[in-house]
């Protein structure tokens, strides 16, 4: 569905990808230039810290026999996938912003604006 949405956008629309729902290989087929897209990917510690703060995640984990192990397994899978997506995006020439909490949201926003010449 995401690829369909991106396909329906004008050819020059900037694409900001947060998380791993949109694979770089799929975007590469849809854009005229790697400069047209940017990925925002968290480092493992940042991801674990902020994911644990989401209220809904605890509803899911509390259904597991061992919520701590379930969370660690979940994060391990997501962290591995995020690393794969970041590497694939960079290998294809796409810009990747690595989020580790050392920069403010405003600083990341300014980097996105610079990337797209906004």
PDB file of N, CA and C in Angstrom:
ATOM      1  N   UNK A   1       0.820  -1.193   0.000  1.00  0.00           N
ATOM      2  CA  UNK A   1       0.000   0.000   0.000  1.00  0.00           C
ATOM      3  C   UNK A   1       0.866   1.259   0.000  1.00  0.00           C
ATOM      4  N   UNK A   2       1.987   1.200   0.716  1.00  0.00           N
ATOM      5  CA  UNK A   2       2.866   2.366   0.766  1.00  0.00           C
ATOM      6  C   UNK A   2       3.461   2.633  -0.613  1.00  0.00           C
ATOM      7  N   UNK A   3       3.895   1.585  -1.296  1.00  0.00           N
ATOM      8  CA  UNK A   3       4.448   1.745  -2.639  1.00  0.00           C
ATOM      9  C   UNK A   3       3.394   2.341  -3.567  1.00  0.00           C
ATOM     10  N   UNK A   4       2.151   1.909  -3.431  1.00  0.00           N
ATOM     11  CA  UNK A   4       1.062   2.482  -4.238  1.00  0.00           C
ATOM     12  C   UNK A   4       0.905   3.971  -3.947  1.00  0.00           C
ATOM     13  N   UNK A   5       0.975   4.342  -2.666  1.00  0.00           N
ATOM     14  CA  UNK A   5       0.857   5.758  -2.302  1.00  0.00           C
ATOM     15  C   UNK A   5       2.003   6.573  -2.896  1.00  0.00           C
ATOM     16  N   UNK A   6       3.220   6.052  -2.790  1.00  0.00           N
ATOM     17  CA  UNK A   6       4.373   6.769  -3.336  1.00  0.00           C
ATOM     18  C   UNK A   6       4.267   6.847  -4.855  1.00  0.00           C
ATOM     19  N   UNK A   7       3.814   5.791  -5.480  1.00  0.00           N
ATOM     20  CA  UNK A   7       3.662   5.783  -6.942  1.00  0.00           C
ATOM     21  C   UNK A   7       2.666   6.833  -7.414  1.00  0.00           C
ATOM     22  N   UNK A   8       1.687   7.135  -6.584  1.00  0.00           N
ATOM     23  CA  UNK A   8       0.655   8.099  -6.959  1.00  0.00           C
ATOM     24  C   UNK A   8       1.113   9.548  -6.761  1.00  0.00           C
ATOM     25  N   UNK A   9       2.236   9.743  -6.117  1.00  0.00           N
ATOM     26  CA  UNK A   9       2.743  11.100  -5.875  1.00  0.00           C
ATOM     27  C   UNK A   9       3.378  11.654  -7.150  1.00  0.00           C
ATOM     28  N   UNK A  10       3.429  12.995  -7.259  1.00  0.00           N
ATOM     29  CA  UNK A  10       4.157  13.580  -8.395  1.00  0.00           C
ATOM     30  C   UNK A  10       5.611  13.099  -8.398  1.00  0.00           C
ATOM     31  N   UNK A  11       6.193  12.966  -9.578  1.00  0.00           N
ATOM     32  CA  UNK A  11       7.546  12.420  -9.729  1.00  0.00           C
ATOM     33  C   UNK A  11       8.619  13.173  -8.961  1.00  0.00           C
ATOM     34  N   UNK A  12       8.381  14.428  -8.635  1.00  0.00           N
ATOM     35  CA  UNK A  12       9.400  15.230  -7.962  1.00  0.00           C
ATOM     36  C   UNK A  12       9.163  15.365  -6.463  1.00  0.00           C
ATOM     37  N   UNK A  13       8.136  14.709  -5.928  1.00  0.00           N
ATOM     38  CA  UNK A  13       7.829  14.822  -4.502  1.00  0.00           C
ATOM     39  C   UNK A  13       8.946  14.249  -3.644  1.00  0.00           C
ATOM     40  N   UNK A  14       9.350  14.976  -2.598  1.00  0.00           N
ATOM     41  CA  UNK A  14      10.331  14.409  -1.678  1.00  0.00           C
ATOM     42  C   UNK A  14       9.696  13.287  -0.868  1.00  0.00           C
ATOM     43  N   UNK A  15      10.500  12.300  -0.507  1.00  0.00           N
ATOM     44  CA  UNK A  15      10.015  11.154   0.252  1.00  0.00           C
ATOM     45  C   UNK A  15      10.853  11.043   1.515  1.00  0.00           C
ATOM     46  N   UNK A  16      10.192  11.125   2.675  1.00  0.00           N
ATOM     47  CA  UNK A  16      10.862  10.962   3.958  1.00  0.00           C
ATOM     48  C   UNK A  16      10.380   9.650   4.540  1.00  0.00           C
ATOM     49  N   UNK A  17      11.313   8.741   4.817  1.00  0.00           N
ATOM     50  CA  UNK A  17      10.969   7.425   5.341  1.00  0.00           C
ATOM     51  C   UNK A  17      11.473   7.328   6.771  1.00  0.00           C
ATOM     52  N   UNK A  18      10.546   7.119   7.700  1.00  0.00           N
ATOM     53  CA  UNK A  18      10.905   6.919   9.096  1.00  0.00           C
ATOM     54  C   UNK A  18      10.589   5.470   9.413  1.00  0.00           C
ATOM     55  N   UNK A  19      11.571   4.766   9.903  1.00  0.00           N
ATOM     56  CA  UNK A  19      11.353   3.361  10.183  1.00  0.00           C
ATOM     57  C   UNK A  19      11.694   2.511   8.968  1.00  0.00           C
ATOM     58  N   UNK A  20      11.177   1.308   8.967  1.00  0.00           N
ATOM     59  CA  UNK A  20      11.594   0.351   7.939  1.00  0.00           C
ATOM     60  C   UNK A  20      10.432  -0.156   7.085  1.00  0.00           C
ATOM     61  N   UNK A  21       9.331   0.569   7.067  1.00  0.00           N
ATOM     62  CA  UNK A  21       8.170   0.085   6.320  1.00  0.00           C
ATOM     63  C   UNK A  21       8.320   0.216   4.806  1.00  0.00           C
ATOM     64  N   UNK A  22       9.218   1.055   4.368  1.00  0.00           N
ATOM     65  CA  UNK A  22       9.399   1.276   2.935  1.00  0.00           C
ATOM     66  C   UNK A  22      10.848   0.954   2.580  1.00  0.00           C
ATOM     67  N   UNK A  23      11.033  -0.117   1.856  1.00  0.00           N
ATOM     68  CA  UNK A  23      12.376  -0.588   1.519  1.00  0.00           C
ATOM     69  C   UNK A  23      13.020   0.284   0.444  1.00  0.00           C
ATOM     70  N   UNK A  24      14.306   0.566   0.588  1.00  0.00           N
ATOM     71  CA  UNK A  24      15.009   1.371  -0.406  1.00  0.00           C
ATOM     72  C   UNK A  24      14.908   0.790  -1.814  1.00  0.00           C
ATOM     73  N   UNK A  25      14.948  -0.531  -1.943  1.00  0.00           N
ATOM     74  CA  UNK A  25      14.867  -1.132  -3.280  1.00  0.00           C
ATOM     75  C   UNK A  25      13.546  -0.785  -3.960  1.00  0.00           C
ATOM     76  N   UNK A  26      12.476  -0.640  -3.189  1.00  0.00           N
ATOM     77  CA  UNK A  26      11.179  -0.276  -3.765  1.00  0.00           C
ATOM     78  C   UNK A  26      11.148   1.191  -4.168  1.00  0.00           C
ATOM     79  N   UNK A  27      11.745   2.041  -3.349  1.00  0.00           N
ATOM     80  CA  UNK A  27      11.783   3.472  -3.660  1.00  0.00           C
ATOM     81  C   UNK A  27      12.667   3.728  -4.870  1.00  0.00           C
ATOM     82  N   UNK A  28      13.777   3.006  -4.968  1.00  0.00           N
ATOM     83  CA  UNK A  28      14.705   3.206  -6.086  1.00  0.00           C
ATOM     84  C   UNK A  28      14.007   3.020  -7.433  1.00  0.00           C
ATOM     85  N   UNK A  29      13.002   2.161  -7.459  1.00  0.00           N
ATOM     86  CA  UNK A  29      12.251   1.921  -8.702  1.00  0.00           C
ATOM     87  C   UNK A  29      11.306   3.069  -9.035  1.00  0.00           C
ATOM     88  N   UNK A  30      11.031   3.955  -8.067  1.00  0.00           N
ATOM     89  CA  UNK A  30       9.990   4.970  -8.236  1.00  0.00           C
ATOM     90  C   UNK A  30      10.512   6.393  -8.382  1.00  0.00           C
ATOM     91  N   UNK A  31      11.775   6.622  -8.051  1.00  0.00           N
ATOM     92  CA  UNK A  31      12.290   7.986  -8.051  1.00  0.00           C
ATOM     93  C   UNK A  31      13.245   8.218  -9.217  1.00  0.00           C
ATOM     94  N   UNK A  32      13.345   9.481  -9.589  1.00  0.00           N
ATOM     95  CA  UNK A  32      14.245   9.820 -10.695  1.00  0.00           C
ATOM     96  C   UNK A  32      15.676  10.037 -10.207  1.00  0.00           C
ATOM     97  N   UNK A  33      15.844  10.238  -8.904  1.00  0.00           N
ATOM     98  CA  UNK A  33      17.163  10.501  -8.335  1.00  0.00           C
ATOM     99  C   UNK A  33      17.185  10.053  -6.872  1.00  0.00           C
ATOM    100  N   UNK A  34      18.318   9.541  -6.397  1.00  0.00           N
ATOM    101  CA  UNK A  34      18.416   9.193  -4.977  1.00  0.00           C
ATOM    102  C   UNK A  34      18.229  10.408  -4.061  1.00  0.00           C
ATOM    103  N   UNK A  35      18.440  11.594  -4.598  1.00  0.00           N
ATOM    104  CA  UNK A  35      18.275  12.821  -3.803  1.00  0.00           C
ATOM    105  C   UNK A  35      16.808  13.067  -3.445  1.00  0.00           C
ATOM    106  N   UNK A  36      15.914  12.331  -4.050  1.00  0.00           N
ATOM    107  CA  UNK A  36      14.481  12.542  -3.855  1.00  0.00           C
ATOM    108  C   UNK A  36      13.952  11.899  -2.575  1.00  0.00           C
ATOM    109  N   UNK A  37      14.759  11.060  -1.915  1.00  0.00           N
ATOM    110  CA  UNK A  37      14.294  10.374  -0.712  1.00  0.00           C
ATOM    111  C   UNK A  37      15.333  10.453   0.389  1.00  0.00           C
ATOM    112  N   UNK A  38      14.856  10.326   1.624  1.00  0.00           N
ATOM    113  CA  UNK A  38      15.731  10.327   2.788  1.00  0.00           C
ATOM    114  C   UNK A  38      15.151   9.362   3.818  1.00  0.00           C
ATOM    115  N   UNK A  39      16.031   8.620   4.470  1.00  0.00           N
ATOM    116  CA  UNK A  39      15.608   7.664   5.517  1.00  0.00           C
ATOM    117  C   UNK A  39      16.030   8.206   6.871  1.00  0.00           C
ATOM    118  N   UNK A  40      15.183   8.006   7.875  1.00  0.00           N
ATOM    119  CA  UNK A  40      15.474   8.371   9.254  1.00  0.00           C
ATOM    120  C   UNK A  40      15.476   7.069  10.047  1.00  0.00           C
ATOM    121  N   UNK A  41      16.663   6.684  10.566  1.00  0.00           N
ATOM    122  CA  UNK A  41      16.836   5.374  11.191  1.00  0.00           C
ATOM    123  C   UNK A  41      17.466   5.549  12.577  1.00  0.00           C
ATOM    124  N   UNK A  42      16.864   4.925  13.610  1.00  0.00           N
ATOM    125  CA  UNK A  42      17.426   5.053  14.956  1.00  0.00           C
ATOM    126  C   UNK A  42      18.568   4.079  15.210  1.00  0.00           C
ATOM    127  N   UNK A  43      19.469   4.461  16.127  1.00  0.00           N
ATOM    128  CA  UNK A  43      20.468   3.512  16.618  1.00  0.00           C
ATOM    129  C   UNK A  43      19.764   2.589  17.614  1.00  0.00           C
ATOM    130  N   UNK A  44      20.329   1.419  17.895  1.00  0.00           N
ATOM    131  CA  UNK A  44      19.654   0.447  18.763  1.00  0.00           C
ATOM    132  C   UNK A  44      19.230   0.985  20.136  1.00  0.00           C
ATOM    133  N   UNK A  45      20.118   1.669  20.853  1.00  0.00           N
ATOM    134  CA  UNK A  45      19.761   2.151  22.194  1.00  0.00           C
ATOM    135  C   UNK A  45      18.616   3.156  22.143  1.00  0.00           C
ATOM    136  N   UNK A  46      18.642   4.046  21.164  1.00  0.00           N
ATOM    137  CA  UNK A  46      17.576   5.029  21.009  1.00  0.00           C
ATOM    138  C   UNK A  46      16.253   4.318  20.725  1.00  0.00           C
ATOM    139  N   UNK A  47      16.287   3.339  19.840  1.00  0.00           N
ATOM    140  CA  UNK A  47      15.071   2.612  19.490  1.00  0.00           C
ATOM    141  C   UNK A  47      14.493   1.889  20.702  1.00  0.00           C
ATOM    142  N   UNK A  48      15.327   1.173  21.430  1.00  0.00           N
ATOM    143  CA  UNK A  48      14.838   0.431  22.601  1.00  0.00           C
ATOM    144  C   UNK A  48      14.250   1.371  23.647  1.00  0.00           C
ATOM    145  N   UNK A  49      14.949   2.467  23.911  1.00  0.00           N
ATOM    146  CA  UNK A  49      14.481   3.418  24.924  1.00  0.00           C
ATOM    147  C   UNK A  49      13.116   3.996  24.562  1.00  0.00           C
ATOM    148  N   UNK A  50      12.970   4.418  23.323  1.00  0.00           N
ATOM    149  CA  UNK A  50      11.740   5.097  22.937  1.00  0.00           C
ATOM    150  C   UNK A  50      10.596   4.126  22.645  1.00  0.00           C
ATOM    151  N   UNK A  51      10.916   2.968  22.154  1.00  0.00           N
ATOM    152  CA  UNK A  51       9.873   1.961  21.949  1.00  0.00           C
ATOM    153  C   UNK A  51       9.275   1.555  23.290  1.00  0.00           C
ATOM    154  N   UNK A  52      10.102   1.411  24.307  1.00  0.00           N
ATOM    155  CA  UNK A  52       9.629   0.994  25.628  1.00  0.00           C
ATOM    156  C   UNK A  52       8.688   2.021  26.252  1.00  0.00           C
ATOM    157  N   UNK A  53       8.744   3.266  25.793  1.00  0.00           N
ATOM    158  CA  UNK A  53       7.883   4.323  26.322  1.00  0.00           C
ATOM    159  C   UNK A  53       6.484   4.318  25.696  1.00  0.00           C
ATOM    160  N   UNK A  54       6.292   3.564  24.645  1.00  0.00           N
ATOM    161  CA  UNK A  54       4.989   3.525  23.981  1.00  0.00           C
ATOM    162  C   UNK A  54       4.031   2.656  24.796  1.00  0.00           C
ATOM    163  N   UNK A  55       2.917   3.239  25.193  1.00  0.00           N
ATOM    164  CA  UNK A  55       1.980   2.520  26.057  1.00  0.00           C
ATOM    165  C   UNK A  55       1.447   1.245  25.418  1.00  0.00           C
ATOM    166  N   UNK A  56       1.140   1.279  24.151  1.00  0.00           N
ATOM    167  CA  UNK A  56       0.503   0.141  23.494  1.00  0.00           C
ATOM    168  C   UNK A  56       1.401  -1.087  23.448  1.00  0.00           C
ATOM    169  N   UNK A  57       2.721  -0.868  23.453  1.00  0.00           N
ATOM    170  CA  UNK A  57       3.623  -2.012  23.360  1.00  0.00           C
ATOM    171  C   UNK A  57       3.506  -2.909  24.590  1.00  0.00           C
ATOM    172  N   UNK A  58       3.233  -2.305  25.735  1.00  0.00           N
ATOM    173  CA  UNK A  58       3.118  -3.087  26.970  1.00  0.00           C
ATOM    174  C   UNK A  58       1.858  -3.949  26.967  1.00  0.00           C
ATOM    175  N   UNK A  59       0.803  -3.482  26.306  1.00  0.00           N
ATOM    176  CA  UNK A  59      -0.404  -4.306  26.158  1.00  0.00           C
ATOM    177  C   UNK A  59      -0.086  -5.581  25.388  1.00  0.00           C
ATOM    178  N   UNK A  60       0.729  -5.457  24.373  1.00  0.00           N
ATOM    179  CA  UNK A  60       1.119  -6.631  23.576  1.00  0.00           C
ATOM    180  C   UNK A  60       2.051  -7.531  24.374  1.00  0.00           C
ATOM    181  N   UNK A  61       3.071  -6.930  24.981  1.00  0.00           N
ATOM    182  CA  UNK A  61       4.062  -7.726  25.709  1.00  0.00           C
ATOM    183  C   UNK A  61       3.465  -8.446  26.916  1.00  0.00           C
ATOM    184  N   UNK A  62       2.487  -7.845  27.557  1.00  0.00           N
ATOM    185  CA  UNK A  62       1.867  -8.472  28.723  1.00  0.00           C
ATOM    186  C   UNK A  62       1.080  -9.726  28.368  1.00  0.00           C
ATOM    187  N   UNK A  63       0.854  -9.957  27.096  1.00  0.00           N
ATOM    188  CA  UNK A  63       0.198 -11.185  26.647  1.00  0.00           C
ATOM    189  C   UNK A  63       1.202 -12.335  26.483  1.00  0.00           C
ATOM    190  N   UNK A  64       2.482 -12.027  26.621  1.00  0.00           N
ATOM    191  CA  UNK A  64       3.552 -13.028  26.443  1.00  0.00           C
ATOM    192  C   UNK A  64       3.907 -13.668  27.782  1.00  0.00           C
ATOM    193  N   UNK A  65       4.377 -14.902  27.727  1.00  0.00           N
ATOM    194  CA  UNK A  65       4.810 -15.594  28.942  1.00  0.00           C
ATOM    195  C   UNK A  65       5.993 -14.890  29.596  1.00  0.00           C
ATOM    196  N   UNK A  66       6.884 -14.344  28.792  1.00  0.00           N
ATOM    197  CA  UNK A  66       8.072 -13.656  29.294  1.00  0.00           C
ATOM    198  C   UNK A  66       8.203 -12.316  28.554  1.00  0.00           C
ATOM    199  N   UNK A  67       7.526 -11.273  29.074  1.00  0.00           N
ATOM    200  CA  UNK A  67       7.519  -9.982  28.378  1.00  0.00           C
ATOM    201  C   UNK A  67       8.905  -9.404  28.114  1.00  0.00           C
ATOM    202  N   UNK A  68       9.855  -9.586  29.054  1.00  0.00           N
ATOM    203  CA  UNK A  68      11.199  -9.031  28.848  1.00  0.00           C
ATOM    204  C   UNK A  68      11.910  -9.692  27.669  1.00  0.00           C
ATOM    205  N   UNK A  69      11.818 -11.014  27.602  1.00  0.00           N
ATOM    206  CA  UNK A  69      12.441 -11.733  26.485  1.00  0.00           C
ATOM    207  C   UNK A  69      11.739 -11.383  25.179  1.00  0.00           C
ATOM    208  N   UNK A  70      10.417 -11.277  25.225  1.00  0.00           N
ATOM    209  CA  UNK A  70       9.662 -10.922  24.022  1.00  0.00           C
ATOM    210  C   UNK A  70      10.093  -9.542  23.510  1.00  0.00           C
ATOM    211  N   UNK A  71      10.269  -8.596  24.437  1.00  0.00           N
ATOM    212  CA  UNK A  71      10.703  -7.249  24.033  1.00  0.00           C
ATOM    213  C   UNK A  71      12.099  -7.295  23.425  1.00  0.00           C
ATOM    214  N   UNK A  72      13.020  -8.025  24.062  1.00  0.00           N
ATOM    215  CA  UNK A  72      14.385  -8.126  23.544  1.00  0.00           C
ATOM    216  C   UNK A  72      14.398  -8.772  22.161  1.00  0.00           C
ATOM    217  N   UNK A  73      13.593  -9.816  21.971  1.00  0.00           N
ATOM    218  CA  UNK A  73      13.515 -10.458  20.657  1.00  0.00           C
ATOM    219  C   UNK A  73      12.945  -9.512  19.612  1.00  0.00           C
ATOM    220  N   UNK A  74      11.898  -8.788  19.990  1.00  0.00           N
ATOM    221  CA  UNK A  74      11.259  -7.826  19.091  1.00  0.00           C
ATOM    222  C   UNK A  74      12.266  -6.754  18.676  1.00  0.00           C
ATOM    223  N   UNK A  75      12.951  -6.198  19.652  1.00  0.00           N
ATOM    224  CA  UNK A  75      13.921  -5.152  19.353  1.00  0.00           C
ATOM    225  C   UNK A  75      15.091  -5.703  18.541  1.00  0.00           C
ATOM    226  N   UNK A  76      15.528  -6.910  18.849  1.00  0.00           N
ATOM    227  CA  UNK A  76      16.611  -7.513  18.076  1.00  0.00           C
ATOM    228  C   UNK A  76      16.258  -7.632  16.607  1.00  0.00           C
ATOM    229  N   UNK A  77      15.038  -8.080  16.345  1.00  0.00           N
ATOM    230  CA  UNK A  77      14.587  -8.192  14.954  1.00  0.00           C
ATOM    231  C   UNK A  77      14.514  -6.819  14.298  1.00  0.00           C
ATOM    232  N   UNK A  78      13.893  -5.853  14.992  1.00  0.00           N
ATOM    233  CA  UNK A  78      13.743  -4.511  14.414  1.00  0.00           C
ATOM    234  C   UNK A  78      15.088  -3.817  14.215  1.00  0.00           C
ATOM    235  N   UNK A  79      16.006  -4.002  15.147  1.00  0.00           N
ATOM    236  CA  UNK A  79      17.327  -3.389  15.040  1.00  0.00           C
ATOM    237  C   UNK A  79      18.085  -3.973  13.849  1.00  0.00           C
ATOM    238  N   UNK A  80      18.022  -5.279  13.692  1.00  0.00           N
ATOM    239  CA  UNK A  80      18.668  -5.910  12.543  1.00  0.00           C
ATOM    240  C   UNK A  80      18.074  -5.436  11.229  1.00  0.00           C
ATOM    241  N   UNK A  81      16.762  -5.305  11.193  1.00  0.00           N
ATOM    242  CA  UNK A  81      16.105  -4.861   9.973  1.00  0.00           C
ATOM    243  C   UNK A  81      16.446  -3.399   9.686  1.00  0.00           C
ATOM    244  N   UNK A  82      16.496  -2.569  10.733  1.00  0.00           N
ATOM    245  CA  UNK A  82      16.858  -1.158  10.542  1.00  0.00           C
ATOM    246  C   UNK A  82      18.269  -1.033   9.976  1.00  0.00           C
ATOM    247  N   UNK A  83      19.186  -1.867  10.469  1.00  0.00           N
ATOM    248  CA  UNK A  83      20.557  -1.846   9.946  1.00  0.00           C
ATOM    249  C   UNK A  83      20.581  -2.242   8.475  1.00  0.00           C
ATOM    250  N   UNK A  84      19.789  -3.237   8.120  1.00  0.00           N
ATOM    251  CA  UNK A  84      19.704  -3.670   6.724  1.00  0.00           C
ATOM    252  C   UNK A  84      19.166  -2.530   5.849  1.00  0.00           C
ATOM    253  N   UNK A  85      18.094  -1.892   6.302  1.00  0.00           N
ATOM    254  CA  UNK A  85      17.480  -0.809   5.527  1.00  0.00           C
ATOM    255  C   UNK A  85      18.449   0.363   5.374  1.00  0.00           C
ATOM    256  N   UNK A  86      19.121   0.750   6.460  1.00  0.00           N
ATOM    257  CA  UNK A  86      20.068   1.871   6.392  1.00  0.00           C
ATOM    258  C   UNK A  86      21.200   1.566   5.416  1.00  0.00           C
ATOM    259  N   UNK A  87      21.755   0.374   5.483  1.00  0.00           N
ATOM    260  CA  UNK A  87      22.851  -0.001   4.575  1.00  0.00           C
ATOM    261  C   UNK A  87      22.374  -0.024   3.131  1.00  0.00           C
ATOM    262  N   UNK A  88      21.205  -0.619   2.895  1.00  0.00           N
ATOM    263  CA  UNK A  88      20.679  -0.687   1.531  1.00  0.00           C
ATOM    264  C   UNK A  88      20.413   0.714   0.990  1.00  0.00           C
ATOM    265  N   UNK A  89      19.863   1.597   1.821  1.00  0.00           N
ATOM    266  CA  UNK A  89      19.613   2.971   1.381  1.00  0.00           C
ATOM    267  C   UNK A  89      20.923   3.667   1.017  1.00  0.00           C
ATOM    268  N   UNK A  90      21.927   3.537   1.873  1.00  0.00           N
ATOM    269  CA  UNK A  90      23.216   4.174   1.591  1.00  0.00           C
ATOM    270  C   UNK A  90      23.869   3.574   0.349  1.00  0.00           C
ATOM    271  N   UNK A  91      23.797   2.257   0.202  1.00  0.00           N
ATOM    272  CA  UNK A  91      24.382   1.604  -0.976  1.00  0.00           C
ATOM    273  C   UNK A  91      23.729   2.085  -2.266  1.00  0.00           C
ATOM    274  N   UNK A  92      22.481   2.491  -2.185  1.00  0.00           N
ATOM    275  CA  UNK A  92      21.760   2.974  -3.365  1.00  0.00           C
ATOM    276  C   UNK A  92      21.911   4.485  -3.550  1.00  0.00           C
ATOM    277  N   UNK A  93      22.695   5.124  -2.683  1.00  0.00           N
ATOM    278  CA  UNK A  93      22.944   6.553  -2.812  1.00  0.00           C
ATOM    279  C   UNK A  93      21.935   7.438  -2.123  1.00  0.00           C
ATOM    280  N   UNK A  94      21.038   6.864  -1.331  1.00  0.00           N
ATOM    281  CA  UNK A  94      20.061   7.658  -0.601  1.00  0.00           C
ATOM    282  C   UNK A  94      20.691   8.244   0.657  1.00  0.00           C
ATOM    283  N   UNK A  95      20.194   9.369   1.072  1.00  0.00           N
ATOM    284  CA  UNK A  95      20.620  10.006   2.327  1.00  0.00           C
ATOM    285  C   UNK A  95      19.968   9.256   3.488  1.00  0.00           C
ATOM    286  N   UNK A  96      20.738   9.030   4.557  1.00  0.00           N
ATOM    287  CA  UNK A  96      20.228   8.391   5.767  1.00  0.00           C
ATOM    288  C   UNK A  96      20.607   9.264   6.952  1.00  0.00           C
ATOM    289  N   UNK A  97      19.626   9.629   7.747  1.00  0.00           N
ATOM    290  CA  UNK A  97      19.878  10.334   8.999  1.00  0.00           C
ATOM    291  C   UNK A  97      19.827   9.294  10.110  1.00  0.00           C
ATOM    292  N   UNK A  98      20.916   9.164  10.829  1.00  0.00           N
ATOM    293  CA  UNK A  98      20.978   8.242  11.959  1.00  0.00           C
ATOM    294  C   UNK A  98      20.571   9.012  13.212  1.00  0.00           C
ATOM    295  N   UNK A  99      19.533   8.534  13.886  1.00  0.00           N
ATOM    296  CA  UNK A  99      19.008   9.212  15.070  1.00  0.00           C
ATOM    297  C   UNK A  99      19.515   8.499  16.316  1.00  0.00           C
ATOM    298  N   UNK A 100      20.279   9.253  17.112  1.00  0.00           N
ATOM    299  CA  UNK A 100      20.805   8.683  18.350  1.00  0.00           C
ATOM    300  C   UNK A 100      20.477   9.546  19.566  1.00  0.00           C
ATOM    301  N   UNK A 101      19.717  10.613  19.361  1.00  0.00           N
ATOM    302  CA  UNK A 101      19.331  11.491  20.456  1.00  0.00           C
ATOM    303  C   UNK A 101      20.317  12.613  20.717  1.00  0.00           C
ATOM    304  N   UNK A 102      21.439  12.632  20.011  1.00  0.00           N
ATOM    305  CA  UNK A 102      22.438  13.680  20.243  1.00  0.00           C
ATOM    306  C   UNK A 102      22.050  14.993  19.558  1.00  0.00           C
ATOM    307  N   UNK A 103      21.143  14.898  18.606  1.00  0.00           N
ATOM    308  CA  UNK A 103      20.668  16.105  17.910  1.00  0.00           C
ATOM    309  C   UNK A 103      19.192  16.287  18.209  1.00  0.00           C
ATOM    310  N   UNK A 104      18.763  17.521  18.228  1.00  0.00           N
ATOM    311  CA  UNK A 104      17.354  17.816  18.515  1.00  0.00           C
ATOM    312  C   UNK A 104      16.490  17.485  17.298  1.00  0.00           C
ATOM    313  N   UNK A 105      15.211  17.408  17.530  1.00  0.00           N
ATOM    314  CA  UNK A 105      14.266  17.214  16.427  1.00  0.00           C
ATOM    315  C   UNK A 105      14.419  18.357  15.434  1.00  0.00           C
ATOM    316  N   UNK A 106      14.597  19.571  15.944  1.00  0.00           N
ATOM    317  CA  UNK A 106      14.773  20.737  15.077  1.00  0.00           C
ATOM    318  C   UNK A 106      16.013  20.593  14.193  1.00  0.00           C
ATOM    319  N   UNK A 107      17.107  20.082  14.758  1.00  0.00           N
ATOM    320  CA  UNK A 107      18.332  19.894  13.972  1.00  0.00           C
ATOM    321  C   UNK A 107      18.120  18.846  12.878  1.00  0.00           C
ATOM    322  N   UNK A 108      17.411  17.768  13.195  1.00  0.00           N
ATOM    323  CA  UNK A 108      17.109  16.761  12.168  1.00  0.00           C
ATOM    324  C   UNK A 108      16.197  17.350  11.092  1.00  0.00           C
ATOM    325  N   UNK A 109      15.229  18.147  11.523  1.00  0.00           N
ATOM    326  CA  UNK A 109      14.327  18.821  10.583  1.00  0.00           C
ATOM    327  C   UNK A 109      15.116  19.722   9.635  1.00  0.00           C
ATOM    328  N   UNK A 110      16.060  20.478  10.187  1.00  0.00           N
ATOM    329  CA  UNK A 110      16.882  21.366   9.352  1.00  0.00           C
ATOM    330  C   UNK A 110      17.717  20.560   8.356  1.00  0.00           C
ATOM    331  N   UNK A 111      18.198  19.385   8.765  1.00  0.00           N
ATOM    332  CA  UNK A 111      18.968  18.550   7.845  1.00  0.00           C
ATOM    333  C   UNK A 111      18.083  18.052   6.693  1.00  0.00           C
ATOM    334  N   UNK A 112      16.849  17.689   7.016  1.00  0.00           N
ATOM    335  CA  UNK A 112      15.905  17.257   5.974  1.00  0.00           C
ATOM    336  C   UNK A 112      15.625  18.425   5.021  1.00  0.00           C
ATOM    337  N   UNK A 113      15.408  19.604   5.565  1.00  0.00           N
ATOM    338  CA  UNK A 113      15.173  20.773   4.721  1.00  0.00           C
ATOM    339  C   UNK A 113      16.355  21.031   3.792  1.00  0.00           C
ATOM    340  N   UNK A 114      17.569  20.957   4.326  1.00  0.00           N
ATOM    341  CA  UNK A 114      18.775  21.169   3.492  1.00  0.00           C
ATOM    342  C   UNK A 114      18.852  20.124   2.394  1.00  0.00           C
ATOM    343  N   UNK A 115      18.587  18.888   2.745  1.00  0.00           N
ATOM    344  CA  UNK A 115      18.680  17.805   1.768  1.00  0.00           C
ATOM    345  C   UNK A 115      17.758  18.065   0.576  1.00  0.00           C
ATOM    346  N   UNK A 116      16.549  18.528   0.867  1.00  0.00           N
ATOM    347  CA  UNK A 116      15.561  18.758  -0.198  1.00  0.00           C
ATOM    348  C   UNK A 116      15.583  20.202  -0.723  1.00  0.00           C
ATOM    349  N   UNK A 117      16.561  20.990  -0.269  1.00  0.00           N
ATOM    350  CA  UNK A 117      16.665  22.394  -0.696  1.00  0.00           C
ATOM    351  C   UNK A 117      15.375  23.146  -0.436  1.00  0.00           C
ATOM    352  N   UNK A 118      14.823  22.978   0.735  1.00  0.00           N
ATOM    353  CA  UNK A 118      13.569  23.660   1.096  1.00  0.00           C
ATOM    354  C   UNK A 118      13.845  24.933   1.875  1.00  0.00           C
TER     355      UNK A 118
END
